[in-house]
PDB file of N, CA and C in Angstrom:
ATOM      1  N   UNK A   1      -7.275 -18.338  13.547  1.00  0.00           N
ATOM      2  CA  UNK A   1      -7.790 -17.701  11.825  1.00  0.00           C
ATOM      3  C   UNK A   1      -8.236 -18.557  11.219  1.00  0.00           C
ATOM      4  N   UNK A   2      -7.485 -19.836  11.172  1.00  0.00           N
ATOM      5  CA  UNK A   2      -8.098 -21.250  10.377  1.00  0.00           C
ATOM      6  C   UNK A   2      -9.032 -21.674  10.584  1.00  0.00           C
ATOM      7  N   UNK A   3      -9.481 -21.938  12.049  1.00  0.00           N
ATOM      8  CA  UNK A   3     -10.610 -22.172  12.595  1.00  0.00           C
ATOM      9  C   UNK A   3     -11.790 -21.229  11.963  1.00  0.00           C
ATOM     10  N   UNK A   4     -11.839 -19.733  11.921  1.00  0.00           N
ATOM     11  CA  UNK A   4     -12.366 -19.046  11.449  1.00  0.00           C
ATOM     12  C   UNK A   4     -13.107 -19.516   9.992  1.00  0.00           C
ATOM     13  N   UNK A   5     -11.719 -19.664   9.407  1.00  0.00           N
ATOM     14  CA  UNK A   5     -12.145 -19.624   7.488  1.00  0.00           C
ATOM     15  C   UNK A   5     -12.487 -21.103   7.505  1.00  0.00           C
ATOM     16  N   UNK A   6     -11.925 -22.138   8.211  1.00  0.00           N
ATOM     17  CA  UNK A   6     -13.315 -23.400   8.010  1.00  0.00           C
ATOM     18  C   UNK A   6     -14.197 -22.962   8.520  1.00  0.00           C
ATOM     19  N   UNK A   7     -14.740 -22.783   9.161  1.00  0.00           N
ATOM     20  CA  UNK A   7     -16.408 -22.218   9.736  1.00  0.00           C
ATOM     21  C   UNK A   7     -16.895 -21.714   8.638  1.00  0.00           C
ATOM     22  N   UNK A   8     -16.459 -20.699   8.145  1.00  0.00           N
ATOM     23  CA  UNK A   8     -16.884 -20.212   6.442  1.00  0.00           C
ATOM     24  C   UNK A   8     -16.651 -20.656   5.413  1.00  0.00           C
ATOM     25  N   UNK A   9     -16.396 -21.304   5.514  1.00  0.00           N
ATOM     26  CA  UNK A   9     -16.049 -22.430   4.418  1.00  0.00           C
ATOM     27  C   UNK A   9     -17.831 -23.278   4.498  1.00  0.00           C
ATOM     28  N   UNK A  10     -18.061 -23.608   5.228  1.00  0.00           N
ATOM     29  CA  UNK A  10     -19.192 -24.501   5.439  1.00  0.00           C
ATOM     30  C   UNK A  10     -20.296 -23.339   5.351  1.00  0.00           C
ATOM     31  N   UNK A  11     -20.401 -21.952   4.953  1.00  0.00           N
ATOM     32  CA  UNK A  11     -21.584 -21.015   4.178  1.00  0.00           C
ATOM     33  C   UNK A  11     -21.175 -21.383   2.469  1.00  0.00           C
ATOM     34  N   UNK A  12     -22.771 -20.867   2.159  1.00  0.00           N
ATOM     35  CA  UNK A  12     -23.402 -21.471   0.660  1.00  0.00           C
ATOM     36  C   UNK A  12     -22.457 -19.952   0.137  1.00  0.00           C
ATOM     37  N   UNK A  13     -22.422 -19.740  -1.041  1.00  0.00           N
ATOM     38  CA  UNK A  13     -21.342 -19.103  -1.924  1.00  0.00           C
ATOM     39  C   UNK A  13     -21.956 -17.662  -1.925  1.00  0.00           C
ATOM     40  N   UNK A  14     -23.597 -17.530  -1.653  1.00  0.00           N
ATOM     41  CA  UNK A  14     -23.757 -16.706  -1.641  1.00  0.00           C
ATOM     42  C   UNK A  14     -24.094 -16.182  -0.018  1.00  0.00           C
ATOM     43  N   UNK A  15     -23.967 -16.555   0.533  1.00  0.00           N
ATOM     44  CA  UNK A  15     -23.549 -16.654   1.819  1.00  0.00           C
ATOM     45  C   UNK A  15     -22.441 -16.056   2.576  1.00  0.00           C
ATOM     46  N   UNK A  16     -21.143 -16.262   1.884  1.00  0.00           N
ATOM     47  CA  UNK A  16     -20.123 -15.850   1.693  1.00  0.00           C
ATOM     48  C   UNK A  16     -19.729 -14.561   0.900  1.00  0.00           C
ATOM     49  N   UNK A  17     -20.670 -14.277  -0.168  1.00  0.00           N
ATOM     50  CA  UNK A  17     -20.367 -13.225  -0.456  1.00  0.00           C
ATOM     51  C   UNK A  17     -21.157 -11.616   0.165  1.00  0.00           C
ATOM     52  N   UNK A  18     -22.386 -12.426   0.780  1.00  0.00           N
ATOM     53  CA  UNK A  18     -22.990 -11.187   1.495  1.00  0.00           C
ATOM     54  C   UNK A  18     -22.260 -10.894   2.804  1.00  0.00           C
ATOM     55  N   UNK A  19     -21.294 -11.876   2.839  1.00  0.00           N
ATOM     56  CA  UNK A  19     -20.697 -11.350   4.250  1.00  0.00           C
ATOM     57  C   UNK A  19     -19.020 -10.627   3.728  1.00  0.00           C
ATOM     58  N   UNK A  20     -18.564 -11.137   2.898  1.00  0.00           N
ATOM     59  CA  UNK A  20     -17.689  -9.971   1.868  1.00  0.00           C
ATOM     60  C   UNK A  20     -18.612  -8.601   1.707  1.00  0.00           C
ATOM     61  N   UNK A  21     -19.462  -8.461   1.198  1.00  0.00           N
ATOM     62  CA  UNK A  21     -19.822  -7.359   0.870  1.00  0.00           C
ATOM     63  C   UNK A  21     -20.210  -6.497   2.020  1.00  0.00           C
ATOM     64  N   UNK A  22     -21.073  -7.222   3.070  1.00  0.00           N
ATOM     65  CA  UNK A  22     -21.090  -6.627   4.595  1.00  0.00           C
ATOM     66  C   UNK A  22     -19.879  -6.332   5.311  1.00  0.00           C
ATOM     67  N   UNK A  23     -18.420  -6.476   5.167  1.00  0.00           N
ATOM     68  CA  UNK A  23     -17.342  -6.498   5.205  1.00  0.00           C
ATOM     69  C   UNK A  23     -16.836  -5.017   4.929  1.00  0.00           C
ATOM     70  N   UNK A  24     -17.068  -4.934   3.740  1.00  0.00           N
ATOM     71  CA  UNK A  24     -16.255  -4.015   3.170  1.00  0.00           C
ATOM     72  C   UNK A  24     -17.448  -2.496   3.441  1.00  0.00           C
ATOM     73  N   UNK A  25     -18.511  -2.715   3.389  1.00  0.00           N
ATOM     74  CA  UNK A  25     -18.871  -1.624   3.542  1.00  0.00           C
ATOM     75  C   UNK A  25     -18.509  -1.200   5.200  1.00  0.00           C
ATOM     76  N   UNK A  26     -18.336  -2.233   5.807  1.00  0.00           N
ATOM     77  CA  UNK A  26     -18.075  -1.890   7.266  1.00  0.00           C
ATOM     78  C   UNK A  26     -16.620  -0.804   7.011  1.00  0.00           C
ATOM     79  N   UNK A  27     -15.725  -1.862   6.632  1.00  0.00           N
ATOM     80  CA  UNK A  27     -14.311  -0.959   6.014  1.00  0.00           C
ATOM     81  C   UNK A  27     -14.473   0.687   5.599  1.00  0.00           C
ATOM     82  N   UNK A  28     -15.580   0.613   4.391  1.00  0.00           N
ATOM     83  CA  UNK A  28     -15.576   1.796   3.690  1.00  0.00           C
ATOM     84  C   UNK A  28     -16.248   2.690   5.089  1.00  0.00           C
ATOM     85  N   UNK A  29     -16.951   2.371   5.420  1.00  0.00           N
ATOM     86  CA  UNK A  29     -18.082   3.293   6.761  1.00  0.00           C
ATOM     87  C   UNK A  29     -16.912   3.912   7.625  1.00  0.00           C
ATOM     88  N   UNK A  30     -16.162   2.836   8.165  1.00  0.00           N
ATOM     89  CA  UNK A  30     -15.009   3.123   9.327  1.00  0.00           C
ATOM     90  C   UNK A  30     -13.649   4.510   8.073  1.00  0.00           C
ATOM     91  N   UNK A  31     -13.377   4.427   7.340  1.00  0.00           N
ATOM     92  CA  UNK A  31     -12.468   4.703   6.247  1.00  0.00           C
ATOM     93  C   UNK A  31     -13.183   5.965   6.010  1.00  0.00           C
ATOM     94  N   UNK A  32     -14.581   6.439   6.592  1.00  0.00           N
ATOM     95  CA  UNK A  32     -14.792   7.983   5.871  1.00  0.00           C
ATOM     96  C   UNK A  32     -14.111   9.042   6.805  1.00  0.00           C
ATOM     97  N   UNK A  33     -13.681  10.193   6.213  1.00  0.00           N
ATOM     98  CA  UNK A  33     -13.588  11.015   7.317  1.00  0.00           C
ATOM     99  C   UNK A  33     -14.712  11.749   7.321  1.00  0.00           C
ATOM    100  N   UNK A  34     -15.743  12.733   8.674  1.00  0.00           N
ATOM    101  CA  UNK A  34     -16.420  13.344   8.868  1.00  0.00           C
ATOM    102  C   UNK A  34     -16.398  14.484   7.866  1.00  0.00           C
ATOM    103  N   UNK A  35     -17.121  14.961   7.695  1.00  0.00           N
ATOM    104  CA  UNK A  35     -17.428  16.221   7.167  1.00  0.00           C
ATOM    105  C   UNK A  35     -18.519  17.238   7.332  1.00  0.00           C
ATOM    106  N   UNK A  36     -18.357  18.130   7.551  1.00  0.00           N
ATOM    107  CA  UNK A  36     -19.211  18.739   8.071  1.00  0.00           C
ATOM    108  C   UNK A  36     -20.649  19.346   7.260  1.00  0.00           C
ATOM    109  N   UNK A  37     -21.236  20.155   7.968  1.00  0.00           N
ATOM    110  CA  UNK A  37     -22.652  20.392   7.361  1.00  0.00           C
ATOM    111  C   UNK A  37     -22.231  21.343   6.594  1.00  0.00           C
ATOM    112  N   UNK A  38     -22.012  22.268   6.651  1.00  0.00           N
ATOM    113  CA  UNK A  38     -21.568  23.130   4.966  1.00  0.00           C
ATOM    114  C   UNK A  38     -21.456  22.481   3.962  1.00  0.00           C
ATOM    115  N   UNK A  39     -19.991  21.241   4.013  1.00  0.00           N
ATOM    116  CA  UNK A  39     -19.648  20.549   2.982  1.00  0.00           C
ATOM    117  C   UNK A  39     -20.853  19.564   2.130  1.00  0.00           C
ATOM    118  N   UNK A  40     -21.565  18.964   3.657  1.00  0.00           N
ATOM    119  CA  UNK A  40     -22.641  17.872   3.048  1.00  0.00           C
ATOM    120  C   UNK A  40     -23.547  18.706   2.274  1.00  0.00           C
ATOM    121  N   UNK A  41     -23.775  20.087   2.855  1.00  0.00           N
ATOM    122  CA  UNK A  41     -24.785  20.947   1.673  1.00  0.00           C
ATOM    123  C   UNK A  41     -24.777  21.383   0.878  1.00  0.00           C
ATOM    124  N   UNK A  42     -23.390  21.717   0.583  1.00  0.00           N
ATOM    125  CA  UNK A  42     -22.398  22.031  -1.353  1.00  0.00           C
ATOM    126  C   UNK A  42     -22.777  20.631  -1.761  1.00  0.00           C
ATOM    127  N   UNK A  43     -22.548  19.890  -1.397  1.00  0.00           N
ATOM    128  CA  UNK A  43     -22.245  18.529  -2.389  1.00  0.00           C
ATOM    129  C   UNK A  43     -24.039  18.231  -2.741  1.00  0.00           C
ATOM    130  N   UNK A  44     -24.656  18.723  -2.159  1.00  0.00           N
ATOM    131  CA  UNK A  44     -26.408  18.384  -2.394  1.00  0.00           C
ATOM    132  C   UNK A  44     -26.758  19.620  -3.371  1.00  0.00           C
ATOM    133  N   UNK A  45     -26.592  20.779  -2.449  1.00  0.00           N
ATOM    134  CA  UNK A  45     -26.598  21.835  -3.392  1.00  0.00           C
ATOM    135  C   UNK A  45     -26.244  21.420  -5.096  1.00  0.00           C
ATOM    136  N   UNK A  46     -24.871  20.955  -5.389  1.00  0.00           N
ATOM    137  CA  UNK A  46     -24.710  20.677  -6.669  1.00  0.00           C
ATOM    138  C   UNK A  46     -25.212  19.112  -7.514  1.00  0.00           C
ATOM    139  N   UNK A  47     -25.759  18.418  -6.461  1.00  0.00           N
ATOM    140  CA  UNK A  47     -26.186  17.331  -6.602  1.00  0.00           C
ATOM    141  C   UNK A  47     -27.884  17.571  -7.238  1.00  0.00           C
ATOM    142  N   UNK A  48     -28.588  18.775  -6.892  1.00  0.00           N
ATOM    143  CA  UNK A  48     -29.470  19.201  -7.102  1.00  0.00           C
ATOM    144  C   UNK A  48     -29.556  19.627  -8.213  1.00  0.00           C
ATOM    145  N   UNK A  49     -28.287  20.378  -8.198  1.00  0.00           N
ATOM    146  CA  UNK A  49     -28.231  21.610  -9.742  1.00  0.00           C
ATOM    147  C   UNK A  49     -28.302  20.182 -10.783  1.00  0.00           C
ATOM    148  N   UNK A  50     -27.437  19.520 -10.780  1.00  0.00           N
ATOM    149  CA  UNK A  50     -26.844  18.324 -12.016  1.00  0.00           C
ATOM    150  C   UNK A  50     -28.328  17.670 -12.303  1.00  0.00           C
ATOM    151  N   UNK A  51     -29.034  17.228 -10.921  1.00  0.00           N
ATOM    152  CA  UNK A  51     -30.542  16.561 -11.372  1.00  0.00           C
ATOM    153  C   UNK A  51     -30.725  17.694 -12.652  1.00  0.00           C
ATOM    154  N   UNK A  52     -31.371  18.471 -11.747  1.00  0.00           N
ATOM    155  CA  UNK A  52     -32.278  19.733 -12.610  1.00  0.00           C
ATOM    156  C   UNK A  52     -32.061  19.969 -13.898  1.00  0.00           C
ATOM    157  N   UNK A  53     -30.265  19.612 -14.290  1.00  0.00           N
ATOM    158  CA  UNK A  53     -29.846  20.374 -15.633  1.00  0.00           C
ATOM    159  C   UNK A  53     -29.056  19.429 -16.246  1.00  0.00           C
ATOM    160  N   UNK A  54     -29.832  18.248 -16.569  1.00  0.00           N
ATOM    161  CA  UNK A  54     -28.747  17.291 -17.161  1.00  0.00           C
ATOM    162  C   UNK A  54     -28.295  17.522 -18.416  1.00  0.00           C
ATOM    163  N   UNK A  55     -27.262  17.215 -18.694  1.00  0.00           N
ATOM    164  CA  UNK A  55     -26.304  17.486 -19.999  1.00  0.00           C
ATOM    165  C   UNK A  55     -25.011  18.928 -19.538  1.00  0.00           C
ATOM    166  N   UNK A  56     -25.416  19.871 -18.361  1.00  0.00           N
ATOM    167  CA  UNK A  56     -24.869  20.861 -18.674  1.00  0.00           C
ATOM    168  C   UNK A  56     -24.013  20.897 -17.954  1.00  0.00           C
ATOM    169  N   UNK A  57     -23.000  20.125 -17.272  1.00  0.00           N
ATOM    170  CA  UNK A  57     -22.033  19.956 -16.238  1.00  0.00           C
ATOM    171  C   UNK A  57     -20.667  19.714 -17.509  1.00  0.00           C
ATOM    172  N   UNK A  58     -19.623  19.043 -17.033  1.00  0.00           N
ATOM    173  CA  UNK A  58     -18.623  18.611 -17.750  1.00  0.00           C
ATOM    174  C   UNK A  58     -18.512  17.178 -16.537  1.00  0.00           C
ATOM    175  N   UNK A  59     -17.920  16.124 -17.826  1.00  0.00           N
ATOM    176  CA  UNK A  59     -17.338  14.871 -17.806  1.00  0.00           C
ATOM    177  C   UNK A  59     -16.369  15.580 -16.746  1.00  0.00           C
ATOM    178  N   UNK A  60     -16.177  13.953 -16.088  1.00  0.00           N
ATOM    179  CA  UNK A  60     -14.692  13.974 -15.724  1.00  0.00           C
ATOM    180  C   UNK A  60     -13.569  14.073 -16.860  1.00  0.00           C
ATOM    181  N   UNK A  61     -13.720  13.404 -17.683  1.00  0.00           N
ATOM    182  CA  UNK A  61     -12.511  13.927 -18.856  1.00  0.00           C
ATOM    183  C   UNK A  61     -12.278  14.903 -19.686  1.00  0.00           C
ATOM    184  N   UNK A  62     -13.429  15.709 -19.200  1.00  0.00           N
ATOM    185  CA  UNK A  62     -13.740  17.445 -19.756  1.00  0.00           C
ATOM    186  C   UNK A  62     -12.893  17.952 -19.018  1.00  0.00           C
ATOM    187  N   UNK A  63     -13.112  17.430 -17.710  1.00  0.00           N
ATOM    188  CA  UNK A  63     -12.191  18.589 -16.615  1.00  0.00           C
ATOM    189  C   UNK A  63     -10.580  17.996 -16.658  1.00  0.00           C
ATOM    190  N   UNK A  64     -10.617  17.140 -16.834  1.00  0.00           N
ATOM    191  CA  UNK A  64      -9.177  16.562 -16.898  1.00  0.00           C
ATOM    192  C   UNK A  64      -8.022  16.632 -18.167  1.00  0.00           C
ATOM    193  N   UNK A  65      -8.915  16.984 -19.457  1.00  0.00           N
ATOM    194  CA  UNK A  65      -8.221  17.280 -20.438  1.00  0.00           C
ATOM    195  C   UNK A  65      -7.961  18.835 -20.555  1.00  0.00           C
ATOM    196  N   UNK A  66      -9.098  19.522 -19.932  1.00  0.00           N
ATOM    197  CA  UNK A  66      -8.707  21.354 -19.413  1.00  0.00           C
ATOM    198  C   UNK A  66      -7.657  21.302 -18.464  1.00  0.00           C
ATOM    199  N   UNK A  67      -7.515  20.483 -17.580  1.00  0.00           N
ATOM    200  CA  UNK A  67      -6.288  20.836 -16.575  1.00  0.00           C
ATOM    201  C   UNK A  67      -4.827  20.524 -17.204  1.00  0.00           C
ATOM    202  N   UNK A  68      -5.301  19.254 -18.312  1.00  0.00           N
ATOM    203  CA  UNK A  68      -3.818  18.779 -18.562  1.00  0.00           C
ATOM    204  C   UNK A  68      -3.907  17.470 -18.245  1.00  0.00           C
ATOM    205  N   UNK A  69      -4.192  16.908 -17.867  1.00  0.00           N
ATOM    206  CA  UNK A  69      -4.691  15.528 -16.266  1.00  0.00           C
ATOM    207  C   UNK A  69      -4.663  14.618 -17.515  1.00  0.00           C
ATOM    208  N   UNK A  70      -3.758  13.760 -17.434  1.00  0.00           N
ATOM    209  CA  UNK A  70      -4.469  11.940 -18.215  1.00  0.00           C
ATOM    210  C   UNK A  70      -5.293  11.089 -17.545  1.00  0.00           C
ATOM    211  N   UNK A  71      -5.754  10.782 -17.787  1.00  0.00           N
ATOM    212  CA  UNK A  71      -6.855   9.890 -16.732  1.00  0.00           C
ATOM    213  C   UNK A  71      -6.306   8.228 -16.885  1.00  0.00           C
TER     214      UNK A  71
END
């Protein structure tokens, strides 16, 4: 592992930051559970409603307050 780190230090800051971002994205993609078509369609439907009705939804803070949950 030390040889890999030594090679990475030869990269510029921008290149190392891009590598970190790429690694993070690959981890996030691997750790996402698959979602069904029904769930995906429901999320899209709700997102479309929220886009069509700005200001009519509730914020996370409002929902938490109604449920008595502290964020």
